[in-house]
Amino acid sequence: MLLHIDVVDGDTFTRDEDGLEFMSLDEACAAVVALLPELAREAVHGPRRRAAMLRERERIIAAEIRDPAGAVLFRTRLRLDMEWSAPQR
């Protein structure tokens, strides 16, 4: 089955125009849930990205699965909360 996976990382939205073939919706959901930690690792890779991320209080990375007609079949998100115990310099 052809499904589209859209991703939101902070303020960046990436729409999947091409789609991917999956054997089932369950397979697609498992793939999307496994994708979020990888996207989080990419978000903190490199000193500039890491420094920018640490200035935030939270970071949300989300994904949704759409069918070819555009109906959202599944949503998942990963949220990273950052709380400082002392004032930032």
C-alpha atoms as a PDB file:
ATOM      1  CA  MET A   1       0.000   0.000   0.000  1.00  0.00           C
ATOM      2  CA  LEU A   2       1.246   3.474  -0.894  1.00  0.00           C
ATOM      3  CA  LEU A   3       1.505   5.812   2.101  1.00  0.00           C
ATOM      4  CA  HIS A   4       3.012   9.256   2.641  1.00  0.00           C
ATOM      5  CA  ILE A   5       5.069  10.218   5.694  1.00  0.00           C
ATOM      6  CA  ASP A   6       5.156  13.917   6.569  1.00  0.00           C
ATOM      7  CA  VAL A   7       7.623  15.173   9.198  1.00  0.00           C
ATOM      8  CA  VAL A   8       7.653  18.261  11.415  1.00  0.00           C
ATOM      9  CA  ASP A   9      10.921  19.110  13.173  1.00  0.00           C
ATOM     10  CA  GLY A  10      10.513  22.314  15.163  1.00  0.00           C
ATOM     11  CA  ASP A  11       9.401  24.894  12.594  1.00  0.00           C
ATOM     12  CA  THR A  12      10.369  22.782   9.584  1.00  0.00           C
ATOM     13  CA  PHE A  13       7.636  20.827   7.755  1.00  0.00           C
ATOM     14  CA  THR A  14       8.622  18.221   5.158  1.00  0.00           C
ATOM     15  CA  ARG A  15       5.787  16.884   3.010  1.00  0.00           C
ATOM     16  CA  ASP A  16       6.241  13.484   1.381  1.00  0.00           C
ATOM     17  CA  GLU A  17       5.046  13.934  -2.197  1.00  0.00           C
ATOM     18  CA  ASP A  18       6.170  10.547  -3.525  1.00  0.00           C
ATOM     19  CA  GLY A  19       5.110   8.115  -0.815  1.00  0.00           C
ATOM     20  CA  LEU A  20       6.486   4.721   0.109  1.00  0.00           C
ATOM     21  CA  GLU A  21       5.152   1.207  -0.335  1.00  0.00           C
ATOM     22  CA  PHE A  22       4.340  -0.763   2.821  1.00  0.00           C
ATOM     23  CA  MET A  23       2.827  -4.203   3.286  1.00  0.00           C
ATOM     24  CA  SER A  24       0.423  -2.858   5.920  1.00  0.00           C
ATOM     25  CA  LEU A  25      -0.420   0.190   8.001  1.00  0.00           C
ATOM     26  CA  ASP A  26       1.132  -1.546  11.027  1.00  0.00           C
ATOM     27  CA  GLU A  27       4.447  -1.834   9.172  1.00  0.00           C
ATOM     28  CA  ALA A  28       4.297   1.858   8.250  1.00  0.00           C
ATOM     29  CA  CYS A  29       3.495   2.881  11.839  1.00  0.00           C
ATOM     30  CA  ALA A  30       6.428   0.870  13.197  1.00  0.00           C
ATOM     31  CA  ALA A  31       8.741   2.487  10.633  1.00  0.00           C
ATOM     32  CA  VAL A  32       7.579   5.984  11.566  1.00  0.00           C
ATOM     33  CA  VAL A  33       7.968   5.375  15.312  1.00  0.00           C
ATOM     34  CA  ALA A  34      11.514   4.071  14.687  1.00  0.00           C
ATOM     35  CA  LEU A  35      12.266   7.125  12.517  1.00  0.00           C
ATOM     36  CA  LEU A  36      11.671   9.714  15.268  1.00  0.00           C
ATOM     37  CA  PRO A  37      14.714   8.863  17.439  1.00  0.00           C
ATOM     38  CA  GLU A  38      16.897   8.959  14.324  1.00  0.00           C
ATOM     39  CA  LEU A  39      15.556  12.415  13.479  1.00  0.00           C
ATOM     40  CA  ALA A  40      16.251  13.525  17.058  1.00  0.00           C
ATOM     41  CA  ARG A  41      19.866  12.341  16.751  1.00  0.00           C
ATOM     42  CA  GLU A  42      20.219  14.343  13.533  1.00  0.00           C
ATOM     43  CA  ALA A  43      18.770  17.401  15.281  1.00  0.00           C
ATOM     44  CA  VAL A  44      21.612  17.450  17.807  1.00  0.00           C
ATOM     45  CA  HIS A  45      24.392  16.394  15.431  1.00  0.00           C
ATOM     46  CA  GLY A  46      27.011  19.095  14.994  1.00  0.00           C
ATOM     47  CA  PRO A  47      27.968  21.965  17.300  1.00  0.00           C
ATOM     48  CA  ARG A  48      25.798  24.660  15.703  1.00  0.00           C
ATOM     49  CA  ARG A  49      22.661  22.523  15.714  1.00  0.00           C
ATOM     50  CA  ARG A  50      23.284  21.389  19.276  1.00  0.00           C
ATOM     51  CA  ALA A  51      23.890  24.982  20.466  1.00  0.00           C
ATOM     52  CA  ALA A  52      20.698  26.187  18.770  1.00  0.00           C
ATOM     53  CA  MET A  53      18.690  23.329  20.230  1.00  0.00           C
ATOM     54  CA  LEU A  54      19.939  23.990  23.765  1.00  0.00           C
ATOM     55  CA  ARG A  55      18.620  27.558  23.572  1.00  0.00           C
ATOM     56  CA  GLU A  56      15.092  26.157  23.275  1.00  0.00           C
ATOM     57  CA  ARG A  57      12.889  24.980  26.145  1.00  0.00           C
ATOM     58  CA  GLU A  58      11.359  22.179  24.122  1.00  0.00           C
ATOM     59  CA  ARG A  59      11.770  20.493  20.784  1.00  0.00           C
ATOM     60  CA  ILE A  60       9.031  18.471  19.134  1.00  0.00           C
ATOM     61  CA  ILE A  61       9.652  16.136  16.232  1.00  0.00           C
ATOM     62  CA  ALA A  62       6.490  14.640  14.788  1.00  0.00           C
ATOM     63  CA  ALA A  63       5.433  12.487  11.876  1.00  0.00           C
ATOM     64  CA  GLU A  64       2.129  11.504  10.338  1.00  0.00           C
ATOM     65  CA  ILE A  65       1.100   8.908   7.824  1.00  0.00           C
ATOM     66  CA  ARG A  66      -1.310   9.897   5.056  1.00  0.00           C
ATOM     67  CA  ASP A  67      -3.059   7.813   2.452  1.00  0.00           C
ATOM     68  CA  PRO A  68      -2.942   8.946  -1.212  1.00  0.00           C
ATOM     69  CA  ALA A  69      -6.216  10.853  -0.729  1.00  0.00           C
ATOM     70  CA  GLY A  70      -4.653  12.891   2.084  1.00  0.00           C
ATOM     71  CA  ALA A  71      -6.429  11.342   5.063  1.00  0.00           C
ATOM     72  CA  VAL A  72      -4.176  11.132   8.136  1.00  0.00           C
ATOM     73  CA  LEU A  73      -4.094   7.532   9.373  1.00  0.00           C
ATOM     74  CA  PHE A  74      -1.511   7.789  12.163  1.00  0.00           C
ATOM     75  CA  ARG A  75       0.390  10.468  14.103  1.00  0.00           C
ATOM     76  CA  THR A  76       3.328  10.220  16.490  1.00  0.00           C
ATOM     77  CA  ARG A  77       5.611  12.734  18.139  1.00  0.00           C
ATOM     78  CA  LEU A  78       8.732  12.876  20.228  1.00  0.00           C
ATOM     79  CA  ARG A  79       9.103  15.729  22.693  1.00  0.00           C
ATOM     80  CA  LEU A  80      12.315  16.832  24.353  1.00  0.00           C
ATOM     81  CA  ASP A  81      11.861  19.177  27.330  1.00  0.00           C
ATOM     82  CA  MET A  82      14.810  21.196  28.600  1.00  0.00           C
ATOM     83  CA  GLU A  83      14.695  22.852  32.014  1.00  0.00           C
ATOM     84  CA  TRP A  84      17.537  24.917  33.427  1.00  0.00           C
ATOM     85  CA  SER A  85      18.103  24.896  37.198  1.00  0.00           C
ATOM     86  CA  ALA A  86      20.169  28.101  37.064  1.00  0.00           C
ATOM     87  CA  PRO A  87      19.908  31.170  34.828  1.00  0.00           C
ATOM     88  CA  GLN A  88      21.568  30.679  31.462  1.00  0.00           C
ATOM     89  CA  ARG A  89      24.669  32.711  30.757  1.00  0.00           C
END
